[in-house]
Amino acid sequence: IVAFEDGTVETAPMWIESKVSNFCNLKCKMCSTE
């Protein structure tokens, strides 16, 4: 990581995490509609 004191990061994201959709085949009791 190449970072600066003001919080800027020169390096690009190395890990991308994506919540693809809220489309799901289940209706778990603790889950929200999101």
PDB file of all heavy atoms in Angstrom:
ATOM      1  N   ILE A   1       0.834  -1.197   0.000  1.00  0.00           N
ATOM      2  CA  ILE A   1       0.000   0.000   0.000  1.00  0.00           C
ATOM      3  C   ILE A   1       0.874   1.254   0.000  1.00  0.00           C
ATOM      4  O   ILE A   1       1.776   1.395   0.820  1.00  0.00           O
ATOM      5  CB  ILE A   1      -0.940   0.004   1.225  1.00  0.00           C
ATOM      6  CG1 ILE A   1      -1.936  -1.157   1.126  1.00  0.00           C
ATOM      7  CG2 ILE A   1      -1.683   1.336   1.337  1.00  0.00           C
ATOM      8  CD1 ILE A   1      -2.649  -1.469   2.427  1.00  0.00           C
ATOM      9  N   VAL A   2       0.612   2.170  -0.944  1.00  0.00           N
ATOM     10  CA  VAL A   2       1.283   3.465  -0.990  1.00  0.00           C
ATOM     11  C   VAL A   2       0.262   4.510  -0.554  1.00  0.00           C
ATOM     12  O   VAL A   2      -0.691   4.811  -1.287  1.00  0.00           O
ATOM     13  CB  VAL A   2       1.821   3.779  -2.401  1.00  0.00           C
ATOM     14  CG1 VAL A   2       2.514   5.142  -2.411  1.00  0.00           C
ATOM     15  CG2 VAL A   2       2.780   2.682  -2.859  1.00  0.00           C
ATOM     16  N   ALA A   3       0.436   5.038   0.657  1.00  0.00           N
ATOM     17  CA  ALA A   3      -0.552   5.930   1.253  1.00  0.00           C
ATOM     18  C   ALA A   3       0.102   7.242   1.671  1.00  0.00           C
ATOM     19  O   ALA A   3       1.321   7.334   1.834  1.00  0.00           O
ATOM     20  CB  ALA A   3      -1.204   5.258   2.456  1.00  0.00           C
ATOM     21  N   PHE A   4      -0.759   8.253   1.888  1.00  0.00           N
ATOM     22  CA  PHE A   4      -0.292   9.578   2.267  1.00  0.00           C
ATOM     23  C   PHE A   4      -1.051  10.056   3.505  1.00  0.00           C
ATOM     24  O   PHE A   4      -2.124   9.550   3.830  1.00  0.00           O
ATOM     25  CB  PHE A   4      -0.459  10.551   1.108  1.00  0.00           C
ATOM     26  CG  PHE A   4       0.379  10.185  -0.094  1.00  0.00           C
ATOM     27  CD1 PHE A   4      -0.095   9.273  -1.031  1.00  0.00           C
ATOM     28  CD2 PHE A   4       1.639  10.725  -0.268  1.00  0.00           C
ATOM     29  CE1 PHE A   4       0.676   8.912  -2.126  1.00  0.00           C
ATOM     30  CE2 PHE A   4       2.421  10.368  -1.362  1.00  0.00           C
ATOM     31  CZ  PHE A   4       1.943   9.460  -2.286  1.00  0.00           C
ATOM     32  N   GLU A   5      -0.474  11.037   4.189  1.00  0.00           N
ATOM     33  CA  GLU A   5      -1.010  11.476   5.481  1.00  0.00           C
ATOM     34  C   GLU A   5      -2.424  12.022   5.391  1.00  0.00           C
ATOM     35  O   GLU A   5      -3.155  12.032   6.379  1.00  0.00           O
ATOM     36  CB  GLU A   5      -0.085  12.523   6.103  1.00  0.00           C
ATOM     37  CG  GLU A   5       1.218  11.944   6.639  1.00  0.00           C
ATOM     38  CD  GLU A   5       2.065  12.976   7.353  1.00  0.00           C
ATOM     39  OE1 GLU A   5       1.821  14.191   7.143  1.00  0.00           O
ATOM     40  OE2 GLU A   5       2.955  12.576   8.131  1.00  0.00           O
ATOM     41  N   ASP A   6      -2.820  12.504   4.212  1.00  0.00           N
ATOM     42  CA  ASP A   6      -4.179  13.048   4.081  1.00  0.00           C
ATOM     43  C   ASP A   6      -5.216  11.965   3.790  1.00  0.00           C
ATOM     44  O   ASP A   6      -6.387  12.269   3.577  1.00  0.00           O
ATOM     45  CB  ASP A   6      -4.217  14.113   2.986  1.00  0.00           C
ATOM     46  CG  ASP A   6      -4.179  13.514   1.588  1.00  0.00           C
ATOM     47  OD1 ASP A   6      -3.574  12.422   1.423  1.00  0.00           O
ATOM     48  OD2 ASP A   6      -4.762  14.122   0.658  1.00  0.00           O
ATOM     49  N   GLY A   7      -4.791  10.695   3.790  1.00  0.00           N
ATOM     50  CA  GLY A   7      -5.714   9.588   3.531  1.00  0.00           C
ATOM     51  C   GLY A   7      -5.794   9.160   2.083  1.00  0.00           C
ATOM     52  O   GLY A   7      -6.544   8.237   1.744  1.00  0.00           O
ATOM     53  N   THR A   8      -5.028   9.811   1.211  1.00  0.00           N
ATOM     54  CA  THR A   8      -4.982   9.391  -0.190  1.00  0.00           C
ATOM     55  C   THR A   8      -4.209   8.076  -0.312  1.00  0.00           C
ATOM     56  O   THR A   8      -3.212   7.871   0.384  1.00  0.00           O
ATOM     57  CB  THR A   8      -4.278  10.466  -1.050  1.00  0.00           C
ATOM     58  OG1 THR A   8      -5.015  11.691  -0.958  1.00  0.00           O
ATOM     59  CG2 THR A   8      -4.196  10.035  -2.507  1.00  0.00           C
ATOM     60  N   VAL A   9      -4.683   7.197  -1.177  1.00  0.00           N
ATOM     61  CA  VAL A   9      -3.985   5.944  -1.468  1.00  0.00           C
ATOM     62  C   VAL A   9      -3.636   5.936  -2.951  1.00  0.00           C
ATOM     63  O   VAL A   9      -4.521   6.012  -3.804  1.00  0.00           O
ATOM     64  CB  VAL A   9      -4.844   4.714  -1.111  1.00  0.00           C
ATOM     65  CG1 VAL A   9      -4.094   3.429  -1.460  1.00  0.00           C
ATOM     66  CG2 VAL A   9      -5.191   4.716   0.368  1.00  0.00           C
ATOM     67  N   GLU A  10      -2.332   5.875  -3.242  1.00  0.00           N
ATOM     68  CA  GLU A  10      -1.886   5.897  -4.633  1.00  0.00           C
ATOM     69  C   GLU A  10      -2.141   4.562  -5.327  1.00  0.00           C
ATOM     70  O   GLU A  10      -2.438   4.503  -6.515  1.00  0.00           O
ATOM     71  CB  GLU A  10      -0.399   6.238  -4.682  1.00  0.00           C
ATOM     72  CG  GLU A  10       0.134   6.457  -6.086  1.00  0.00           C
ATOM     73  CD  GLU A  10       1.573   6.947  -6.068  1.00  0.00           C
ATOM     74  OE1 GLU A  10       1.765   8.167  -5.901  1.00  0.00           O
ATOM     75  OE2 GLU A  10       2.481   6.095  -6.190  1.00  0.00           O
ATOM     76  N   THR A  11      -2.015   3.468  -4.569  1.00  0.00           N
ATOM     77  CA  THR A  11      -2.268   2.151  -5.144  1.00  0.00           C
ATOM     78  C   THR A  11      -3.768   1.958  -5.361  1.00  0.00           C
ATOM     79  O   THR A  11      -4.599   2.449  -4.599  1.00  0.00           O
ATOM     80  CB  THR A  11      -1.723   1.052  -4.223  1.00  0.00           C
ATOM     81  OG1 THR A  11      -1.993   1.397  -2.851  1.00  0.00           O
ATOM     82  CG2 THR A  11      -0.228   0.890  -4.390  1.00  0.00           C
ATOM     83  N   ALA A  12      -4.105   1.226  -6.398  1.00  0.00           N
ATOM     84  CA  ALA A  12      -5.509   0.943  -6.726  1.00  0.00           C
ATOM     85  C   ALA A  12      -6.045  -0.160  -5.814  1.00  0.00           C
ATOM     86  O   ALA A  12      -5.268  -0.880  -5.172  1.00  0.00           O
ATOM     87  CB  ALA A  12      -5.621   0.522  -8.187  1.00  0.00           C
ATOM     88  N   PRO A  13      -7.366  -0.308  -5.740  1.00  0.00           N
ATOM     89  CA  PRO A  13      -7.929  -1.417  -4.960  1.00  0.00           C
ATOM     90  C   PRO A  13      -7.397  -2.761  -5.449  1.00  0.00           C
ATOM     91  O   PRO A  13      -7.341  -3.012  -6.659  1.00  0.00           O
ATOM     92  CB  PRO A  13      -9.435  -1.294  -5.196  1.00  0.00           C
ATOM     93  CG  PRO A  13      -9.656   0.121  -5.593  1.00  0.00           C
ATOM     94  CD  PRO A  13      -8.424   0.533  -6.344  1.00  0.00           C
ATOM     95  N   MET A  14      -7.005  -3.594  -4.502  1.00  0.00           N
ATOM     96  CA  MET A  14      -6.484  -4.920  -4.842  1.00  0.00           C
ATOM     97  C   MET A  14      -7.507  -6.020  -4.571  1.00  0.00           C
ATOM     98  O   MET A  14      -7.338  -7.153  -5.006  1.00  0.00           O
ATOM     99  CB  MET A  14      -5.189  -5.177  -4.050  1.00  0.00           C
ATOM    100  CG  MET A  14      -4.046  -4.263  -4.456  1.00  0.00           C
ATOM    101  SD  MET A  14      -2.586  -4.437  -3.383  1.00  0.00           S
ATOM    102  CE  MET A  14      -2.816  -3.062  -2.254  1.00  0.00           C
ATOM    103  N   TRP A  15      -8.545  -5.661  -3.823  1.00  0.00           N
ATOM    104  CA  TRP A  15      -9.589  -6.618  -3.471  1.00  0.00           C
ATOM    105  C   TRP A  15     -10.924  -5.942  -3.741  1.00  0.00           C
ATOM    106  O   TRP A  15     -11.252  -4.930  -3.111  1.00  0.00           O
ATOM    107  CB  TRP A  15      -9.435  -7.023  -2.008  1.00  0.00           C
ATOM    108  CG  TRP A  15     -10.445  -7.968  -1.454  1.00  0.00           C
ATOM    109  CD1 TRP A  15     -11.546  -8.481  -2.063  1.00  0.00           C
ATOM    110  CD2 TRP A  15     -10.452  -8.507  -0.122  1.00  0.00           C
ATOM    111  NE1 TRP A  15     -12.237  -9.304  -1.211  1.00  0.00           N
ATOM    112  CE2 TRP A  15     -11.591  -9.347  -0.015  1.00  0.00           C
ATOM    113  CE3 TRP A  15      -9.614  -8.370   0.972  1.00  0.00           C
ATOM    114  CZ2 TRP A  15     -11.905 -10.028   1.162  1.00  0.00           C
ATOM    115  CZ3 TRP A  15      -9.919  -9.043   2.149  1.00  0.00           C
ATOM    116  CH2 TRP A  15     -11.050  -9.874   2.234  1.00  0.00           C
ATOM    117  N   ILE A  16     -11.690  -6.457  -4.676  1.00  0.00           N
ATOM    118  CA  ILE A  16     -13.025  -5.934  -4.978  1.00  0.00           C
ATOM    119  C   ILE A  16     -14.058  -6.924  -4.461  1.00  0.00           C
ATOM    120  O   ILE A  16     -14.013  -8.113  -4.785  1.00  0.00           O
ATOM    121  CB  ILE A  16     -13.215  -5.707  -6.486  1.00  0.00           C
ATOM    122  CG1 ILE A  16     -12.271  -4.607  -6.973  1.00  0.00           C
ATOM    123  CG2 ILE A  16     -14.665  -5.335  -6.796  1.00  0.00           C
ATOM    124  CD1 ILE A  16     -12.355  -4.347  -8.467  1.00  0.00           C
ATOM    125  N   GLU A  17     -14.966  -6.419  -3.646  1.00  0.00           N
ATOM    126  CA  GLU A  17     -16.047  -7.237  -3.096  1.00  0.00           C
ATOM    127  C   GLU A  17     -17.365  -6.656  -3.594  1.00  0.00           C
ATOM    128  O   GLU A  17     -17.601  -5.453  -3.471  1.00  0.00           O
ATOM    129  CB  GLU A  17     -16.004  -7.239  -1.575  1.00  0.00           C
ATOM    130  CG  GLU A  17     -17.050  -8.119  -0.930  1.00  0.00           C
ATOM    131  CD  GLU A  17     -16.883  -8.226   0.587  1.00  0.00           C
ATOM    132  OE1 GLU A  17     -15.921  -7.660   1.134  1.00  0.00           O
ATOM    133  OE2 GLU A  17     -17.730  -8.893   1.209  1.00  0.00           O
ATOM    134  N   SER A  18     -18.200  -7.487  -4.153  1.00  0.00           N
ATOM    135  CA  SER A  18     -19.428  -7.004  -4.767  1.00  0.00           C
ATOM    136  C   SER A  18     -20.644  -7.768  -4.281  1.00  0.00           C
ATOM    137  O   SER A  18     -20.682  -8.995  -4.339  1.00  0.00           O
ATOM    138  CB  SER A  18     -19.335  -7.121  -6.294  1.00  0.00           C
ATOM    139  OG  SER A  18     -20.555  -6.744  -6.890  1.00  0.00           O
ATOM    140  N   LYS A  19     -21.618  -7.019  -3.811  1.00  0.00           N
ATOM    141  CA  LYS A  19     -22.932  -7.591  -3.540  1.00  0.00           C
ATOM    142  C   LYS A  19     -23.696  -7.551  -4.858  1.00  0.00           C
ATOM    143  O   LYS A  19     -24.168  -6.494  -5.287  1.00  0.00           O
ATOM    144  CB  LYS A  19     -23.651  -6.793  -2.450  1.00  0.00           C
ATOM    145  CG  LYS A  19     -24.907  -7.441  -1.941  1.00  0.00           C
ATOM    146  CD  LYS A  19     -25.378  -6.788  -0.647  1.00  0.00           C
ATOM    147  CE  LYS A  19     -26.552  -7.560  -0.058  1.00  0.00           C
ATOM    148  NZ  LYS A  19     -26.915  -7.048   1.278  1.00  0.00           N
ATOM    149  N   VAL A  20     -23.774  -8.688  -5.522  1.00  0.00           N
ATOM    150  CA  VAL A  20     -24.224  -8.752  -6.909  1.00  0.00           C
ATOM    151  C   VAL A  20     -25.649  -8.228  -7.081  1.00  0.00           C
ATOM    152  O   VAL A  20     -25.959  -7.536  -8.048  1.00  0.00           O
ATOM    153  CB  VAL A  20     -24.139 -10.204  -7.429  1.00  0.00           C
ATOM    154  CG1 VAL A  20     -24.544 -10.274  -8.887  1.00  0.00           C
ATOM    155  CG2 VAL A  20     -22.748 -10.755  -7.243  1.00  0.00           C
ATOM    156  N   SER A  21     -26.512  -8.566  -6.152  1.00  0.00           N
ATOM    157  CA  SER A  21     -27.925  -8.220  -6.244  1.00  0.00           C
ATOM    158  C   SER A  21     -28.567  -8.623  -4.923  1.00  0.00           C
ATOM    159  O   SER A  21     -27.945  -9.303  -4.100  1.00  0.00           O
ATOM    160  CB  SER A  21     -28.583  -8.964  -7.413  1.00  0.00           C
ATOM    161  OG  SER A  21     -29.990  -8.815  -7.399  1.00  0.00           O
ATOM    162  N   ASN A  22     -29.808  -8.219  -4.714  1.00  0.00           N
ATOM    163  CA  ASN A  22     -30.556  -8.766  -3.583  1.00  0.00           C
ATOM    164  C   ASN A  22     -31.470  -9.907  -4.036  1.00  0.00           C
ATOM    165  O   ASN A  22     -32.351 -10.341  -3.286  1.00  0.00           O
ATOM    166  CB  ASN A  22     -31.356  -7.681  -2.857  1.00  0.00           C
ATOM    167  CG  ASN A  22     -32.435  -7.052  -3.729  1.00  0.00           C
ATOM    168  OD1 ASN A  22     -32.412  -7.154  -4.954  1.00  0.00           O
ATOM    169  ND2 ASN A  22     -33.382  -6.378  -3.091  1.00  0.00           N
ATOM    170  N   PHE A  23     -31.236 -10.408  -5.255  1.00  0.00           N
ATOM    171  CA  PHE A  23     -32.005 -11.554  -5.743  1.00  0.00           C
ATOM    172  C   PHE A  23     -31.497 -12.827  -5.068  1.00  0.00           C
ATOM    173  O   PHE A  23     -30.321 -13.181  -5.165  1.00  0.00           O
ATOM    174  CB  PHE A  23     -31.891 -11.691  -7.255  1.00  0.00           C
ATOM    175  CG  PHE A  23     -32.653 -12.865  -7.805  1.00  0.00           C
ATOM    176  CD1 PHE A  23     -34.039 -12.877  -7.791  1.00  0.00           C
ATOM    177  CD2 PHE A  23     -31.987 -13.966  -8.308  1.00  0.00           C
ATOM    178  CE1 PHE A  23     -34.744 -13.964  -8.277  1.00  0.00           C
ATOM    179  CE2 PHE A  23     -32.690 -15.060  -8.806  1.00  0.00           C
ATOM    180  CZ  PHE A  23     -34.069 -15.052  -8.780  1.00  0.00           C
ATOM    181  N   CYS A  24     -32.374 -13.511  -4.390  1.00  0.00           N
ATOM    182  CA  CYS A  24     -32.027 -14.731  -3.663  1.00  0.00           C
ATOM    183  C   CYS A  24     -33.200 -15.692  -3.742  1.00  0.00           C
ATOM    184  O   CYS A  24     -34.355 -15.270  -3.856  1.00  0.00           O
ATOM    185  CB  CYS A  24     -31.696 -14.408  -2.199  1.00  0.00           C
ATOM    186  SG  CYS A  24     -31.110 -15.837  -1.238  1.00  0.00           S
ATOM    187  N   ASN A  25     -32.901 -16.975  -3.674  1.00  0.00           N
ATOM    188  CA  ASN A  25     -33.950 -17.983  -3.738  1.00  0.00           C
ATOM    189  C   ASN A  25     -34.513 -18.337  -2.372  1.00  0.00           C
ATOM    190  O   ASN A  25     -35.452 -19.127  -2.273  1.00  0.00           O
ATOM    191  CB  ASN A  25     -33.418 -19.251  -4.414  1.00  0.00           C
ATOM    192  CG  ASN A  25     -32.186 -19.809  -3.732  1.00  0.00           C
ATOM    193  OD1 ASN A  25     -31.298 -19.059  -3.333  1.00  0.00           O
ATOM    194  ND2 ASN A  25     -32.103 -21.117  -3.592  1.00  0.00           N
ATOM    195  N   LEU A  26     -33.953 -17.754  -1.299  1.00  0.00           N
ATOM    196  CA  LEU A  26     -34.394 -18.085   0.056  1.00  0.00           C
ATOM    197  C   LEU A  26     -35.025 -16.876   0.751  1.00  0.00           C
ATOM    198  O   LEU A  26     -34.843 -15.734   0.322  1.00  0.00           O
ATOM    199  CB  LEU A  26     -33.212 -18.589   0.897  1.00  0.00           C
ATOM    200  CG  LEU A  26     -32.441 -19.792   0.345  1.00  0.00           C
ATOM    201  CD1 LEU A  26     -31.372 -20.228   1.347  1.00  0.00           C
ATOM    202  CD2 LEU A  26     -33.369 -20.947   0.010  1.00  0.00           C
ATOM    203  N   LYS A  27     -35.747 -17.180   1.827  1.00  0.00           N
ATOM    204  CA  LYS A  27     -36.366 -16.144   2.661  1.00  0.00           C
ATOM    205  C   LYS A  27     -35.976 -16.403   4.117  1.00  0.00           C
ATOM    206  O   LYS A  27     -36.818 -16.780   4.938  1.00  0.00           O
ATOM    207  CB  LYS A  27     -37.887 -16.154   2.485  1.00  0.00           C
ATOM    208  CG  LYS A  27     -38.342 -15.754   1.097  1.00  0.00           C
ATOM    209  CD  LYS A  27     -39.859 -15.697   0.979  1.00  0.00           C
ATOM    210  CE  LYS A  27     -40.452 -17.049   0.696  1.00  0.00           C
ATOM    211  NZ  LYS A  27     -41.892 -16.976   0.360  1.00  0.00           N
ATOM    212  N   CYS A  28     -34.692 -16.211   4.414  1.00  0.00           N
ATOM    213  CA  CYS A  28     -34.201 -16.496   5.760  1.00  0.00           C
ATOM    214  C   CYS A  28     -34.819 -15.524   6.758  1.00  0.00           C
ATOM    215  O   CYS A  28     -34.952 -14.328   6.482  1.00  0.00           O
ATOM    216  CB  CYS A  28     -32.679 -16.414   5.800  1.00  0.00           C
ATOM    217  SG  CYS A  28     -31.892 -17.562   4.646  1.00  0.00           S
ATOM    218  N   LYS A  29     -35.160 -16.039   7.921  1.00  0.00           N
ATOM    219  CA  LYS A  29     -35.939 -15.272   8.885  1.00  0.00           C
ATOM    220  C   LYS A  29     -35.230 -14.035   9.414  1.00  0.00           C
ATOM    221  O   LYS A  29     -35.877 -13.091   9.864  1.00  0.00           O
ATOM    222  CB  LYS A  29     -36.352 -16.178  10.052  1.00  0.00           C
ATOM    223  CG  LYS A  29     -37.448 -17.171   9.707  1.00  0.00           C
ATOM    224  CD  LYS A  29     -37.831 -18.027  10.896  1.00  0.00           C
ATOM    225  CE  LYS A  29     -39.126 -18.818  10.643  1.00  0.00           C
ATOM    226  NZ  LYS A  29     -39.030 -19.788   9.545  1.00  0.00           N
ATOM    227  N   MET A  30     -33.891 -14.019   9.392  1.00  0.00           N
ATOM    228  CA  MET A  30     -33.161 -12.868   9.931  1.00  0.00           C
ATOM    229  C   MET A  30     -32.786 -11.867   8.859  1.00  0.00           C
ATOM    230  O   MET A  30     -32.235 -10.813   9.149  1.00  0.00           O
ATOM    231  CB  MET A  30     -31.903 -13.324  10.683  1.00  0.00           C
ATOM    232  CG  MET A  30     -30.784 -13.842   9.805  1.00  0.00           C
ATOM    233  SD  MET A  30     -31.188 -15.458   9.078  1.00  0.00           S
ATOM    234  CE  MET A  30     -29.657 -15.877   8.249  1.00  0.00           C
ATOM    235  N   CYS A  31     -33.048 -12.175   7.572  1.00  0.00           N
ATOM    236  CA  CYS A  31     -32.597 -11.326   6.464  1.00  0.00           C
ATOM    237  C   CYS A  31     -33.533 -10.150   6.234  1.00  0.00           C
ATOM    238  O   CYS A  31     -34.746 -10.247   6.414  1.00  0.00           O
ATOM    239  CB  CYS A  31     -32.478 -12.143   5.181  1.00  0.00           C
ATOM    240  SG  CYS A  31     -30.859 -12.882   4.937  1.00  0.00           S
ATOM    241  N   SER A  32     -32.939  -9.062   5.751  1.00  0.00           N
ATOM    242  CA  SER A  32     -33.716  -7.911   5.316  1.00  0.00           C
ATOM    243  C   SER A  32     -34.046  -8.059   3.834  1.00  0.00           C
ATOM    244  O   SER A  32     -33.495  -8.915   3.136  1.00  0.00           O
ATOM    245  CB  SER A  32     -32.921  -6.623   5.536  1.00  0.00           C
ATOM    246  OG  SER A  32     -31.824  -6.571   4.636  1.00  0.00           O
ATOM    247  N   THR A  33     -34.906  -7.193   3.340  1.00  0.00           N
ATOM    248  CA  THR A  33     -35.240  -7.219   1.920  1.00  0.00           C
ATOM    249  C   THR A  33     -34.070  -6.738   1.070  1.00  0.00           C
ATOM    250  O   THR A  33     -34.036  -6.997  -0.134  1.00  0.00           O
ATOM    251  CB  THR A  33     -36.469  -6.350   1.637  1.00  0.00           C
ATOM    252  OG1 THR A  33     -36.238  -5.023   2.149  1.00  0.00           O
ATOM    253  CG2 THR A  33     -37.709  -6.928   2.284  1.00  0.00           C
ATOM    254  N   GLU A  34     -33.116  -6.037   1.664  1.00  0.00           N
ATOM    255  CA  GLU A  34     -31.934  -5.630   0.915  1.00  0.00           C
ATOM    256  C   GLU A  34     -31.033  -6.827   0.615  1.00  0.00           C
ATOM    257  O   GLU A  34     -30.301  -6.841  -0.371  1.00  0.00           O
ATOM    258  CB  GLU A  34     -31.136  -4.571   1.675  1.00  0.00           C
ATOM    259  CG  GLU A  34     -30.050  -3.961   0.821  1.00  0.00           C
ATOM    260  CD  GLU A  34     -29.069  -3.120   1.602  1.00  0.00           C
ATOM    261  OE1 GLU A  34     -28.676  -3.503   2.710  1.00  0.00           O
ATOM    262  OE2 GLU A  34     -28.675  -2.081   1.066  1.00  0.00           O
TER     263      GLU A  34
END
